[in-house]
Amino acid sequence: AKYFDLIGGACMDGARTKKQEVIQYVLEQCKEKDREKIRMVGDR
C-alpha cells in the first residue's frame, strides 16, 4: 500500500465494476491530465 498514491476499485453495491469505469474514476482523481503520460499495466 505504501507504494500507491491512490487505490481505486469497484463499489460493494455493484456500481463501478467495469474496468473502464474504474479507470475513469481514478483518472478523475489524478493530477495528470495528459493521457500520453499515463500507462495502464494489466494481465487481461
PDB file of all heavy atoms in Angstrom:
ATOM      1  N   ALA A   1       0.832  -1.217   0.000  1.00  0.00           N
ATOM      2  CA  ALA A   1       0.000   0.000   0.000  1.00  0.00           C
ATOM      3  C   ALA A   1       0.862   1.262   0.000  1.00  0.00           C
ATOM      4  O   ALA A   1       0.490   2.281  -0.594  1.00  0.00           O
ATOM      5  CB  ALA A   1      -0.937  -0.001   1.204  1.00  0.00           C
ATOM      6  N   LYS A   2       2.017   1.189   0.638  1.00  0.00           N
ATOM      7  CA  LYS A   2       2.893   2.364   0.762  1.00  0.00           C
ATOM      8  C   LYS A   2       3.395   2.886  -0.578  1.00  0.00           C
ATOM      9  O   LYS A   2       3.814   4.043  -0.688  1.00  0.00           O
ATOM     10  CB  LYS A   2       4.093   2.027   1.658  1.00  0.00           C
ATOM     11  CG  LYS A   2       4.970   0.924   1.099  1.00  0.00           C
ATOM     12  CD  LYS A   2       6.032   0.488   2.110  1.00  0.00           C
ATOM     13  CE  LYS A   2       6.849  -0.685   1.571  1.00  0.00           C
ATOM     14  NZ  LYS A   2       7.780  -1.196   2.595  1.00  0.00           N
ATOM     15  N   TYR A   3       3.366   2.049  -1.604  1.00  0.00           N
ATOM     16  CA  TYR A   3       3.847   2.485  -2.916  1.00  0.00           C
ATOM     17  C   TYR A   3       2.760   3.177  -3.743  1.00  0.00           C
ATOM     18  O   TYR A   3       3.075   3.798  -4.755  1.00  0.00           O
ATOM     19  CB  TYR A   3       4.380   1.292  -3.710  1.00  0.00           C
ATOM     20  CG  TYR A   3       5.589   0.630  -3.068  1.00  0.00           C
ATOM     21  CD1 TYR A   3       5.538  -0.695  -2.639  1.00  0.00           C
ATOM     22  CD2 TYR A   3       6.770   1.342  -2.883  1.00  0.00           C
ATOM     23  CE1 TYR A   3       6.644  -1.297  -2.055  1.00  0.00           C
ATOM     24  CE2 TYR A   3       7.873   0.751  -2.292  1.00  0.00           C
ATOM     25  CZ  TYR A   3       7.806  -0.568  -1.871  1.00  0.00           C
ATOM     26  OH  TYR A   3       8.898  -1.155  -1.284  1.00  0.00           O
ATOM     27  N   PHE A   4       1.511   3.058  -3.323  1.00  0.00           N
ATOM     28  CA  PHE A   4       0.403   3.581  -4.118  1.00  0.00           C
ATOM     29  C   PHE A   4      -0.062   4.956  -3.636  1.00  0.00           C
ATOM     30  O   PHE A   4      -0.328   5.155  -2.457  1.00  0.00           O
ATOM     31  CB  PHE A   4      -0.774   2.597  -4.103  1.00  0.00           C
ATOM     32  CG  PHE A   4      -0.564   1.431  -5.022  1.00  0.00           C
ATOM     33  CD1 PHE A   4       0.140   0.314  -4.593  1.00  0.00           C
ATOM     34  CD2 PHE A   4      -1.035   1.458  -6.327  1.00  0.00           C
ATOM     35  CE1 PHE A   4       0.367  -0.757  -5.445  1.00  0.00           C
ATOM     36  CE2 PHE A   4      -0.817   0.395  -7.189  1.00  0.00           C
ATOM     37  CZ  PHE A   4      -0.113  -0.716  -6.742  1.00  0.00           C
ATOM     38  N   ASP A   5      -0.173   5.879  -4.590  1.00  0.00           N
ATOM     39  CA  ASP A   5      -0.713   7.208  -4.291  1.00  0.00           C
ATOM     40  C   ASP A   5      -2.230   7.145  -4.177  1.00  0.00           C
ATOM     41  O   ASP A   5      -2.839   7.974  -3.505  1.00  0.00           O
ATOM     42  CB  ASP A   5      -0.330   8.190  -5.407  1.00  0.00           C
ATOM     43  CG  ASP A   5       1.170   8.403  -5.474  1.00  0.00           C
ATOM     44  OD1 ASP A   5       1.671   9.234  -4.708  1.00  0.00           O
ATOM     45  OD2 ASP A   5       1.838   7.722  -6.271  1.00  0.00           O
ATOM     46  N   LEU A   6      -2.827   6.171  -4.848  1.00  0.00           N
ATOM     47  CA  LEU A   6      -4.285   6.034  -4.868  1.00  0.00           C
ATOM     48  C   LEU A   6      -4.641   4.579  -5.151  1.00  0.00           C
ATOM     49  O   LEU A   6      -4.014   3.948  -5.995  1.00  0.00           O
ATOM     50  CB  LEU A   6      -4.867   6.940  -5.961  1.00  0.00           C
ATOM     51  CG  LEU A   6      -6.355   6.812  -6.302  1.00  0.00           C
ATOM     52  CD1 LEU A   6      -7.209   7.286  -5.123  1.00  0.00           C
ATOM     53  CD2 LEU A   6      -6.686   7.613  -7.545  1.00  0.00           C
ATOM     54  N   ILE A   7      -5.624   4.059  -4.414  1.00  0.00           N
ATOM     55  CA  ILE A   7      -6.141   2.711  -4.671  1.00  0.00           C
ATOM     56  C   ILE A   7      -7.613   2.850  -5.027  1.00  0.00           C
ATOM     57  O   ILE A   7      -8.426   3.254  -4.191  1.00  0.00           O
ATOM     58  CB  ILE A   7      -5.946   1.786  -3.452  1.00  0.00           C
ATOM     59  CG1 ILE A   7      -4.442   1.543  -3.219  1.00  0.00           C
ATOM     60  CG2 ILE A   7      -6.687   0.459  -3.658  1.00  0.00           C
ATOM     61  CD1 ILE A   7      -4.129   0.718  -1.984  1.00  0.00           C
ATOM     62  N   GLY A   8      -7.943   2.542  -6.275  1.00  0.00           N
ATOM     63  CA  GLY A   8      -9.318   2.676  -6.748  1.00  0.00           C
ATOM     64  C   GLY A   8      -9.871   1.339  -7.196  1.00  0.00           C
ATOM     65  O   GLY A   8      -9.165   0.543  -7.822  1.00  0.00           O
ATOM     66  N   GLY A   9     -11.134   1.088  -6.838  1.00  0.00           N
ATOM     67  CA  GLY A   9     -11.757  -0.171  -7.224  1.00  0.00           C
ATOM     68  C   GLY A   9     -13.251  -0.033  -7.373  1.00  0.00           C
ATOM     69  O   GLY A   9     -13.791   1.071  -7.432  1.00  0.00           O
ATOM     70  N   ALA A  10     -13.918  -1.178  -7.417  1.00  0.00           N
ATOM     71  CA  ALA A  10     -15.370  -1.206  -7.567  1.00  0.00           C
ATOM     72  C   ALA A  10     -16.049  -0.851  -6.245  1.00  0.00           C
ATOM     73  O   ALA A  10     -15.431  -0.864  -5.178  1.00  0.00           O
ATOM     74  CB  ALA A  10     -15.808  -2.597  -8.015  1.00  0.00           C
ATOM     75  N   CYS A  11     -17.336  -0.566  -6.345  1.00  0.00           N
ATOM     76  CA  CYS A  11     -18.156  -0.321  -5.147  1.00  0.00           C
ATOM     77  C   CYS A  11     -18.762  -1.652  -4.701  1.00  0.00           C
ATOM     78  O   CYS A  11     -19.012  -2.538  -5.516  1.00  0.00           O
ATOM     79  CB  CYS A  11     -19.279   0.675  -5.454  1.00  0.00           C
ATOM     80  SG  CYS A  11     -18.699   2.266  -6.054  1.00  0.00           S
ATOM     81  N   MET A  12     -19.023  -1.791  -3.413  1.00  0.00           N
ATOM     82  CA  MET A  12     -19.585  -3.029  -2.879  1.00  0.00           C
ATOM     83  C   MET A  12     -20.999  -3.293  -3.397  1.00  0.00           C
ATOM     84  O   MET A  12     -21.455  -4.434  -3.420  1.00  0.00           O
ATOM     85  CB  MET A  12     -19.592  -2.997  -1.347  1.00  0.00           C
ATOM     86  CG  MET A  12     -18.214  -3.056  -0.722  1.00  0.00           C
ATOM     87  SD  MET A  12     -17.384  -4.651  -0.938  1.00  0.00           S
ATOM     88  CE  MET A  12     -18.210  -5.634   0.315  1.00  0.00           C
ATOM     89  N   ASP A  13     -21.693  -2.232  -3.821  1.00  0.00           N
ATOM     90  CA  ASP A  13     -23.074  -2.399  -4.275  1.00  0.00           C
ATOM     91  C   ASP A  13     -23.184  -2.783  -5.755  1.00  0.00           C
ATOM     92  O   ASP A  13     -24.272  -2.839  -6.318  1.00  0.00           O
ATOM     93  CB  ASP A  13     -23.888  -1.129  -4.011  1.00  0.00           C
ATOM     94  CG  ASP A  13     -23.383   0.071  -4.811  1.00  0.00           C
ATOM     95  OD1 ASP A  13     -22.415  -0.082  -5.589  1.00  0.00           O
ATOM     96  OD2 ASP A  13     -23.954   1.164  -4.645  1.00  0.00           O
ATOM     97  N   GLY A  14     -22.037  -3.059  -6.375  1.00  0.00           N
ATOM     98  CA  GLY A  14     -22.055  -3.476  -7.776  1.00  0.00           C
ATOM     99  C   GLY A  14     -21.842  -2.348  -8.763  1.00  0.00           C
ATOM    100  O   GLY A  14     -21.711  -2.579  -9.961  1.00  0.00           O
ATOM    101  N   ALA A  15     -21.782  -1.125  -8.266  1.00  0.00           N
ATOM    102  CA  ALA A  15     -21.520   0.016  -9.147  1.00  0.00           C
ATOM    103  C   ALA A  15     -20.021   0.073  -9.456  1.00  0.00           C
ATOM    104  O   ALA A  15     -19.206  -0.435  -8.692  1.00  0.00           O
ATOM    105  CB  ALA A  15     -21.964   1.310  -8.478  1.00  0.00           C
ATOM    106  N   ARG A  16     -19.693   0.680 -10.574  1.00  0.00           N
ATOM    107  CA  ARG A  16     -18.304   0.901 -10.978  1.00  0.00           C
ATOM    108  C   ARG A  16     -17.489  -0.397 -10.956  1.00  0.00           C
ATOM    109  O   ARG A  16     -16.444  -0.496 -10.311  1.00  0.00           O
ATOM    110  CB  ARG A  16     -17.659   1.944 -10.059  1.00  0.00           C
ATOM    111  CG  ARG A  16     -16.426   2.628 -10.660  1.00  0.00           C
ATOM    112  CD  ARG A  16     -15.894   3.736  -9.789  1.00  0.00           C
ATOM    113  NE  ARG A  16     -15.418   3.267  -8.511  1.00  0.00           N
ATOM    114  CZ  ARG A  16     -15.729   3.807  -7.331  1.00  0.00           C
ATOM    115  NH1 ARG A  16     -16.546   4.837  -7.263  1.00  0.00           N
ATOM    116  NH2 ARG A  16     -15.241   3.317  -6.210  1.00  0.00           N
ATOM    117  N   THR A  17     -17.982  -1.413 -11.677  1.00  0.00           N
ATOM    118  CA  THR A  17     -17.249  -2.683 -11.718  1.00  0.00           C
ATOM    119  C   THR A  17     -16.471  -2.875 -13.016  1.00  0.00           C
ATOM    120  O   THR A  17     -15.463  -3.569 -13.027  1.00  0.00           O
ATOM    121  CB  THR A  17     -18.198  -3.885 -11.537  1.00  0.00           C
ATOM    122  OG1 THR A  17     -19.198  -3.842 -12.560  1.00  0.00           O
ATOM    123  CG2 THR A  17     -18.855  -3.860 -10.178  1.00  0.00           C
ATOM    124  N   LYS A  18     -16.951  -2.281 -14.111  1.00  0.00           N
ATOM    125  CA  LYS A  18     -16.239  -2.448 -15.389  1.00  0.00           C
ATOM    126  C   LYS A  18     -14.904  -1.707 -15.323  1.00  0.00           C
ATOM    127  O   LYS A  18     -14.807  -0.636 -14.715  1.00  0.00           O
ATOM    128  CB  LYS A  18     -17.092  -1.916 -16.540  1.00  0.00           C
ATOM    129  CG  LYS A  18     -18.358  -2.741 -16.787  1.00  0.00           C
ATOM    130  CD  LYS A  18     -19.091  -2.265 -18.017  1.00  0.00           C
ATOM    131  CE  LYS A  18     -20.420  -2.979 -18.192  1.00  0.00           C
ATOM    132  NZ  LYS A  18     -20.281  -4.428 -18.342  1.00  0.00           N
ATOM    133  N   LYS A  19     -13.893  -2.281 -15.968  1.00  0.00           N
ATOM    134  CA  LYS A  19     -12.553  -1.700 -15.868  1.00  0.00           C
ATOM    135  C   LYS A  19     -12.503  -0.273 -16.391  1.00  0.00           C
ATOM    136  O   LYS A  19     -11.849   0.591 -15.786  1.00  0.00           O
ATOM    137  CB  LYS A  19     -11.544  -2.589 -16.608  1.00  0.00           C
ATOM    138  CG  LYS A  19     -10.093  -2.147 -16.472  1.00  0.00           C
ATOM    139  CD  LYS A  19      -9.638  -1.908 -15.025  1.00  0.00           C
ATOM    140  CE  LYS A  19      -9.598  -3.126 -14.170  1.00  0.00           C
ATOM    141  NZ  LYS A  19      -8.358  -3.847 -14.095  1.00  0.00           N
ATOM    142  N   GLN A  20     -13.206   0.024 -17.472  1.00  0.00           N
ATOM    143  CA  GLN A  20     -13.200   1.394 -17.986  1.00  0.00           C
ATOM    144  C   GLN A  20     -13.764   2.366 -16.952  1.00  0.00           C
ATOM    145  O   GLN A  20     -13.251   3.478 -16.779  1.00  0.00           O
ATOM    146  CB  GLN A  20     -13.998   1.502 -19.287  1.00  0.00           C
ATOM    147  CG  GLN A  20     -13.915   2.895 -19.897  1.00  0.00           C
ATOM    148  CD  GLN A  20     -14.721   3.035 -21.179  1.00  0.00           C
ATOM    149  OE1 GLN A  20     -15.387   2.094 -21.620  1.00  0.00           O
ATOM    150  NE2 GLN A  20     -14.677   4.210 -21.780  1.00  0.00           N
ATOM    151  N   GLU A  21     -14.808   1.953 -16.232  1.00  0.00           N
ATOM    152  CA  GLU A  21     -15.409   2.810 -15.197  1.00  0.00           C
ATOM    153  C   GLU A  21     -14.422   3.071 -14.067  1.00  0.00           C
ATOM    154  O   GLU A  21     -14.337   4.184 -13.549  1.00  0.00           O
ATOM    155  CB  GLU A  21     -16.671   2.145 -14.636  1.00  0.00           C
ATOM    156  CG  GLU A  21     -17.798   2.016 -15.642  1.00  0.00           C
ATOM    157  CD  GLU A  21     -18.950   1.153 -15.146  1.00  0.00           C
ATOM    158  OE1 GLU A  21     -18.751   0.372 -14.196  1.00  0.00           O
ATOM    159  OE2 GLU A  21     -20.049   1.264 -15.720  1.00  0.00           O
ATOM    160  N   VAL A  22     -13.673   2.032 -13.685  1.00  0.00           N
ATOM    161  CA  VAL A  22     -12.671   2.192 -12.620  1.00  0.00           C
ATOM    162  C   VAL A  22     -11.548   3.121 -13.085  1.00  0.00           C
ATOM    163  O   VAL A  22     -11.085   3.982 -12.340  1.00  0.00           O
ATOM    164  CB  VAL A  22     -12.108   0.826 -12.184  1.00  0.00           C
ATOM    165  CG1 VAL A  22     -11.009   1.017 -11.133  1.00  0.00           C
ATOM    166  CG2 VAL A  22     -13.205  -0.061 -11.612  1.00  0.00           C
ATOM    167  N   ILE A  23     -11.118   2.950 -14.331  1.00  0.00           N
ATOM    168  CA  ILE A  23     -10.071   3.815 -14.879  1.00  0.00           C
ATOM    169  C   ILE A  23     -10.541   5.265 -14.905  1.00  0.00           C
ATOM    170  O   ILE A  23      -9.799   6.180 -14.520  1.00  0.00           O
ATOM    171  CB  ILE A  23      -9.634   3.331 -16.280  1.00  0.00           C
ATOM    172  CG1 ILE A  23      -8.905   1.976 -16.160  1.00  0.00           C
ATOM    173  CG2 ILE A  23      -8.740   4.363 -16.967  1.00  0.00           C
ATOM    174  CD1 ILE A  23      -8.598   1.313 -17.480  1.00  0.00           C
ATOM    175  N   GLN A  24     -11.764   5.494 -15.349  1.00  0.00           N
ATOM    176  CA  GLN A  24     -12.327   6.852 -15.346  1.00  0.00           C
ATOM    177  C   GLN A  24     -12.305   7.436 -13.937  1.00  0.00           C
ATOM    178  O   GLN A  24     -11.924   8.591 -13.726  1.00  0.00           O
ATOM    179  CB  GLN A  24     -13.766   6.828 -15.853  1.00  0.00           C
ATOM    180  CG  GLN A  24     -13.914   6.638 -17.342  1.00  0.00           C
ATOM    181  CD  GLN A  24     -15.363   6.474 -17.766  1.00  0.00           C
ATOM    182  OE1 GLN A  24     -16.248   6.224 -16.948  1.00  0.00           O
ATOM    183  NE2 GLN A  24     -15.623   6.594 -19.052  1.00  0.00           N
ATOM    184  N   TYR A  25     -12.716   6.622 -12.979  1.00  0.00           N
ATOM    185  CA  TYR A  25     -12.790   7.038 -11.567  1.00  0.00           C
ATOM    186  C   TYR A  25     -11.425   7.468 -11.029  1.00  0.00           C
ATOM    187  O   TYR A  25     -11.294   8.522 -10.394  1.00  0.00           O
ATOM    188  CB  TYR A  25     -13.365   5.871 -10.763  1.00  0.00           C
ATOM    189  CG  TYR A  25     -13.207   5.943  -9.268  1.00  0.00           C
ATOM    190  CD1 TYR A  25     -13.872   6.905  -8.506  1.00  0.00           C
ATOM    191  CD2 TYR A  25     -12.422   5.008  -8.596  1.00  0.00           C
ATOM    192  CE1 TYR A  25     -13.747   6.947  -7.131  1.00  0.00           C
ATOM    193  CE2 TYR A  25     -12.293   5.042  -7.216  1.00  0.00           C
ATOM    194  CZ  TYR A  25     -12.954   6.006  -6.481  1.00  0.00           C
ATOM    195  OH  TYR A  25     -12.822   6.040  -5.112  1.00  0.00           O
ATOM    196  N   VAL A  26     -10.373   6.672 -11.294  1.00  0.00           N
ATOM    197  CA  VAL A  26      -9.058   7.038 -10.759  1.00  0.00           C
ATOM    198  C   VAL A  26      -8.464   8.218 -11.521  1.00  0.00           C
ATOM    199  O   VAL A  26      -7.775   9.059 -10.930  1.00  0.00           O
ATOM    200  CB  VAL A  26      -8.078   5.839 -10.729  1.00  0.00           C
ATOM    201  CG1 VAL A  26      -8.611   4.749  -9.800  1.00  0.00           C
ATOM    202  CG2 VAL A  26      -7.780   5.277 -12.107  1.00  0.00           C
ATOM    203  N   LEU A  27      -8.736   8.301 -12.832  1.00  0.00           N
ATOM    204  CA  LEU A  27      -8.201   9.421 -13.608  1.00  0.00           C
ATOM    205  C   LEU A  27      -8.771  10.754 -13.151  1.00  0.00           C
ATOM    206  O   LEU A  27      -8.092  11.778 -13.179  1.00  0.00           O
ATOM    207  CB  LEU A  27      -8.478   9.219 -15.101  1.00  0.00           C
ATOM    208  CG  LEU A  27      -7.674   8.128 -15.811  1.00  0.00           C
ATOM    209  CD1 LEU A  27      -8.111   8.008 -17.259  1.00  0.00           C
ATOM    210  CD2 LEU A  27      -6.170   8.393 -15.719  1.00  0.00           C
ATOM    211  N   GLU A  28     -10.033  10.732 -12.718  1.00  0.00           N
ATOM    212  CA  GLU A  28     -10.659  11.961 -12.208  1.00  0.00           C
ATOM    213  C   GLU A  28      -9.923  12.501 -10.985  1.00  0.00           C
ATOM    214  O   GLU A  28      -9.956  13.694 -10.697  1.00  0.00           O
ATOM    215  CB  GLU A  28     -12.123  11.685 -11.839  1.00  0.00           C
ATOM    216  CG  GLU A  28     -13.051  11.573 -13.044  1.00  0.00           C
ATOM    217  CD  GLU A  28     -14.421  11.014 -12.682  1.00  0.00           C
ATOM    218  OE1 GLU A  28     -14.692  10.830 -11.477  1.00  0.00           O
ATOM    219  OE2 GLU A  28     -15.220  10.776 -13.612  1.00  0.00           O
ATOM    220  N   GLN A  29      -9.257  11.596 -10.262  1.00  0.00           N
ATOM    221  CA  GLN A  29      -8.558  11.997  -9.041  1.00  0.00           C
ATOM    222  C   GLN A  29      -7.078  12.253  -9.250  1.00  0.00           C
ATOM    223  O   GLN A  29      -6.394  12.710  -8.343  1.00  0.00           O
ATOM    224  CB  GLN A  29      -8.742  10.906  -7.969  1.00  0.00           C
ATOM    225  CG  GLN A  29     -10.213  10.665  -7.625  1.00  0.00           C
ATOM    226  CD  GLN A  29     -10.374   9.518  -6.663  1.00  0.00           C
ATOM    227  OE1 GLN A  29     -10.009   9.610  -5.495  1.00  0.00           O
ATOM    228  NE2 GLN A  29     -10.928   8.421  -7.144  1.00  0.00           N
ATOM    229  N   CYS A  30      -6.581  11.933 -10.452  1.00  0.00           N
ATOM    230  CA  CYS A  30      -5.157  12.138 -10.757  1.00  0.00           C
ATOM    231  C   CYS A  30      -4.904  13.568 -11.226  1.00  0.00           C
ATOM    232  O   CYS A  30      -5.717  14.146 -11.931  1.00  0.00           O
ATOM    233  CB  CYS A  30      -4.699  11.170 -11.841  1.00  0.00           C
ATOM    234  SG  CYS A  30      -4.568   9.473 -11.287  1.00  0.00           S
ATOM    235  N   LYS A  31      -3.761  14.100 -10.865  1.00  0.00           N
ATOM    236  CA  LYS A  31      -3.404  15.446 -11.310  1.00  0.00           C
ATOM    237  C   LYS A  31      -3.015  15.448 -12.786  1.00  0.00           C
ATOM    238  O   LYS A  31      -3.167  16.456 -13.469  1.00  0.00           O
ATOM    239  CB  LYS A  31      -2.251  15.983 -10.464  1.00  0.00           C
ATOM    240  CG  LYS A  31      -2.658  16.318  -9.032  1.00  0.00           C
ATOM    241  CD  LYS A  31      -1.500  16.883  -8.252  1.00  0.00           C
ATOM    242  CE  LYS A  31      -1.922  17.194  -6.820  1.00  0.00           C
ATOM    243  NZ  LYS A  31      -0.775  17.670  -6.006  1.00  0.00           N
ATOM    244  N   GLU A  32      -2.502  14.313 -13.280  1.00  0.00           N
ATOM    245  CA  GLU A  32      -2.049  14.243 -14.666  1.00  0.00           C
ATOM    246  C   GLU A  32      -3.245  14.169 -15.614  1.00  0.00           C
ATOM    247  O   GLU A  32      -4.044  13.246 -15.550  1.00  0.00           O
ATOM    248  CB  GLU A  32      -1.148  13.014 -14.866  1.00  0.00           C
ATOM    249  CG  GLU A  32      -0.561  12.905 -16.257  1.00  0.00           C
ATOM    250  CD  GLU A  32       0.255  14.128 -16.642  1.00  0.00           C
ATOM    251  OE1 GLU A  32       1.373  14.285 -16.111  1.00  0.00           O
ATOM    252  OE2 GLU A  32      -0.264  14.929 -17.454  1.00  0.00           O
ATOM    253  N   LYS A  33      -3.352  15.158 -16.472  1.00  0.00           N
ATOM    254  CA  LYS A  33      -4.468  15.195 -17.425  1.00  0.00           C
ATOM    255  C   LYS A  33      -4.050  14.827 -18.847  1.00  0.00           C
ATOM    256  O   LYS A  33      -4.896  14.617 -19.711  1.00  0.00           O
ATOM    257  CB  LYS A  33      -5.116  16.591 -17.425  1.00  0.00           C
ATOM    258  CG  LYS A  33      -5.648  17.029 -16.060  1.00  0.00           C
ATOM    259  CD  LYS A  33      -6.627  16.028 -15.472  1.00  0.00           C
ATOM    260  CE  LYS A  33      -7.057  16.408 -14.060  1.00  0.00           C
ATOM    261  NZ  LYS A  33      -7.829  15.339 -13.404  1.00  0.00           N
ATOM    262  N   ASP A  34      -2.747  14.748 -19.082  1.00  0.00           N
ATOM    263  CA  ASP A  34      -2.233  14.381 -20.406  1.00  0.00           C
ATOM    264  C   ASP A  34      -2.188  12.857 -20.494  1.00  0.00           C
ATOM    265  O   ASP A  34      -1.330  12.211 -19.887  1.00  0.00           O
ATOM    266  CB  ASP A  34      -0.835  14.976 -20.592  1.00  0.00           C
ATOM    267  CG  ASP A  34      -0.283  14.721 -21.994  1.00  0.00           C
ATOM    268  OD1 ASP A  34      -0.867  13.896 -22.726  1.00  0.00           O
ATOM    269  OD2 ASP A  34       0.737  15.350 -22.340  1.00  0.00           O
ATOM    270  N   ARG A  35      -3.102  12.278 -21.249  1.00  0.00           N
ATOM    271  CA  ARG A  35      -3.207  10.812 -21.324  1.00  0.00           C
ATOM    272  C   ARG A  35      -1.952  10.165 -21.914  1.00  0.00           C
ATOM    273  O   ARG A  35      -1.690   8.994 -21.691  1.00  0.00           O
ATOM    274  CB  ARG A  35      -4.439  10.414 -22.148  1.00  0.00           C
ATOM    275  CG  ARG A  35      -5.762  10.992 -21.615  1.00  0.00           C
ATOM    276  CD  ARG A  35      -6.300  10.161 -20.473  1.00  0.00           C
ATOM    277  NE  ARG A  35      -7.343  10.860 -19.737  1.00  0.00           N
ATOM    278  CZ  ARG A  35      -8.627  10.517 -19.728  1.00  0.00           C
ATOM    279  NH1 ARG A  35      -9.045   9.494 -20.417  1.00  0.00           N
ATOM    280  NH2 ARG A  35      -9.494  11.191 -19.001  1.00  0.00           N
ATOM    281  N   GLU A  36      -1.171  10.925 -22.680  1.00  0.00           N
ATOM    282  CA  GLU A  36       0.057  10.393 -23.270  1.00  0.00           C
ATOM    283  C   GLU A  36       1.096  10.066 -22.191  1.00  0.00           C
ATOM    284  O   GLU A  36       2.009   9.279 -22.431  1.00  0.00           O
ATOM    285  CB  GLU A  36       0.649  11.402 -24.259  1.00  0.00           C
ATOM    286  CG  GLU A  36      -0.063  11.446 -25.595  1.00  0.00           C
ATOM    287  CD  GLU A  36       0.118  10.164 -26.401  1.00  0.00           C
ATOM    288  OE1 GLU A  36       1.241   9.636 -26.426  1.00  0.00           O
ATOM    289  OE2 GLU A  36      -0.868   9.680 -26.982  1.00  0.00           O
ATOM    290  N   LYS A  37       0.943  10.682 -21.025  1.00  0.00           N
ATOM    291  CA  LYS A  37       1.915  10.484 -19.941  1.00  0.00           C
ATOM    292  C   LYS A  37       1.481   9.414 -18.943  1.00  0.00           C
ATOM    293  O   LYS A  37       2.096   9.244 -17.898  1.00  0.00           O
ATOM    294  CB  LYS A  37       2.144  11.811 -19.198  1.00  0.00           C
ATOM    295  CG  LYS A  37       2.793  12.885 -20.060  1.00  0.00           C
ATOM    296  CD  LYS A  37       3.056  14.127 -19.234  1.00  0.00           C
ATOM    297  CE  LYS A  37       3.745  15.207 -20.079  1.00  0.00           C
ATOM    298  NZ  LYS A  37       4.030  16.423 -19.283  1.00  0.00           N
ATOM    299  N   ILE A  38       0.399   8.701 -19.284  1.00  0.00           N
ATOM    300  CA  ILE A  38      -0.157   7.678 -18.389  1.00  0.00           C
ATOM    301  C   ILE A  38      -0.079   6.310 -19.063  1.00  0.00           C
ATOM    302  O   ILE A  38      -0.291   6.193 -20.264  1.00  0.00           O
ATOM    303  CB  ILE A  38      -1.627   8.012 -18.041  1.00  0.00           C
ATOM    304  CG1 ILE A  38      -1.720   9.408 -17.409  1.00  0.00           C
ATOM    305  CG2 ILE A  38      -2.207   6.967 -17.084  1.00  0.00           C
ATOM    306  CD1 ILE A  38      -3.150   9.905 -17.228  1.00  0.00           C
ATOM    307  N   ARG A  39       0.229   5.272 -18.290  1.00  0.00           N
ATOM    308  CA  ARG A  39       0.213   3.896 -18.790  1.00  0.00           C
ATOM    309  C   ARG A  39      -0.649   3.032 -17.870  1.00  0.00           C
ATOM    310  O   ARG A  39      -0.704   3.252 -16.664  1.00  0.00           O
ATOM    311  CB  ARG A  39       1.630   3.298 -18.835  1.00  0.00           C
ATOM    312  CG  ARG A  39       2.564   3.965 -19.829  1.00  0.00           C
ATOM    313  CD  ARG A  39       2.195   3.683 -21.264  1.00  0.00           C
ATOM    314  NE  ARG A  39       3.128   4.294 -22.195  1.00  0.00           N
ATOM    315  CZ  ARG A  39       3.035   5.536 -22.638  1.00  0.00           C
ATOM    316  NH1 ARG A  39       2.052   6.328 -22.234  1.00  0.00           N
ATOM    317  NH2 ARG A  39       3.931   6.014 -23.487  1.00  0.00           N
ATOM    318  N   MET A  40      -1.307   2.040 -18.479  1.00  0.00           N
ATOM    319  CA  MET A  40      -2.054   1.023 -17.731  1.00  0.00           C
ATOM    320  C   MET A  40      -1.284  -0.280 -17.826  1.00  0.00           C
ATOM    321  O   MET A  40      -0.818  -0.651 -18.910  1.00  0.00           O
ATOM    322  CB  MET A  40      -3.455   0.844 -18.330  1.00  0.00           C
ATOM    323  CG  MET A  40      -4.278  -0.275 -17.710  1.00  0.00           C
ATOM    324  SD  MET A  40      -4.991   0.201 -16.115  1.00  0.00           S
ATOM    325  CE  MET A  40      -5.048  -1.417 -15.289  1.00  0.00           C
ATOM    326  N   VAL A  41      -1.142  -0.983 -16.706  1.00  0.00           N
ATOM    327  CA  VAL A  41      -0.470  -2.287 -16.690  1.00  0.00           C
ATOM    328  C   VAL A  41      -1.457  -3.326 -16.156  1.00  0.00           C
ATOM    329  O   VAL A  41      -2.002  -3.169 -15.060  1.00  0.00           O
ATOM    330  CB  VAL A  41       0.799  -2.251 -15.799  1.00  0.00           C
ATOM    331  CG1 VAL A  41       1.481  -3.625 -15.803  1.00  0.00           C
ATOM    332  CG2 VAL A  41       1.765  -1.170 -16.268  1.00  0.00           C
ATOM    333  N   GLY A  42      -1.705  -4.377 -16.943  1.00  0.00           N
ATOM    334  CA  GLY A  42      -2.652  -5.401 -16.514  1.00  0.00           C
ATOM    335  C   GLY A  42      -2.422  -6.706 -17.242  1.00  0.00           C
ATOM    336  O   GLY A  42      -1.598  -6.787 -18.161  1.00  0.00           O
ATOM    337  N   ASP A  43      -3.179  -7.740 -16.837  1.00  0.00           N
ATOM    338  CA  ASP A  43      -2.948  -9.073 -17.395  1.00  0.00           C
ATOM    339  C   ASP A  43      -4.097  -9.617 -18.232  1.00  0.00           C
ATOM    340  O   ASP A  43      -3.999 -10.702 -18.777  1.00  0.00           O
ATOM    341  CB  ASP A  43      -2.646 -10.074 -16.263  1.00  0.00           C
ATOM    342  CG  ASP A  43      -3.888 -10.393 -15.445  1.00  0.00           C
ATOM    343  OD1 ASP A  43      -4.569  -9.441 -15.004  1.00  0.00           O
ATOM    344  OD2 ASP A  43      -4.190 -11.581 -15.241  1.00  0.00           O
ATOM    345  N   ARG A  44      -5.201  -8.874 -18.334  1.00  0.00           N
ATOM    346  CA  ARG A  44      -6.364  -9.390 -19.059  1.00  0.00           C
ATOM    347  C   ARG A  44      -6.830  -8.399 -20.122  1.00  0.00           C
ATOM    348  O   ARG A  44      -6.472  -7.215 -20.115  1.00  0.00           O
ATOM    349  CB  ARG A  44      -7.528  -9.671 -18.095  1.00  0.00           C
ATOM    350  CG  ARG A  44      -7.267 -10.756 -17.040  1.00  0.00           C
ATOM    351  CD  ARG A  44      -7.022 -12.138 -17.644  1.00  0.00           C
ATOM    352  NE  ARG A  44      -8.019 -12.526 -18.622  1.00  0.00           N
ATOM    353  CZ  ARG A  44      -9.196 -13.090 -18.327  1.00  0.00           C
ATOM    354  NH1 ARG A  44      -9.543 -13.309 -17.075  1.00  0.00           N
ATOM    355  NH2 ARG A  44     -10.023 -13.449 -19.299  1.00  0.00           N
TER     356      ARG A  44
END
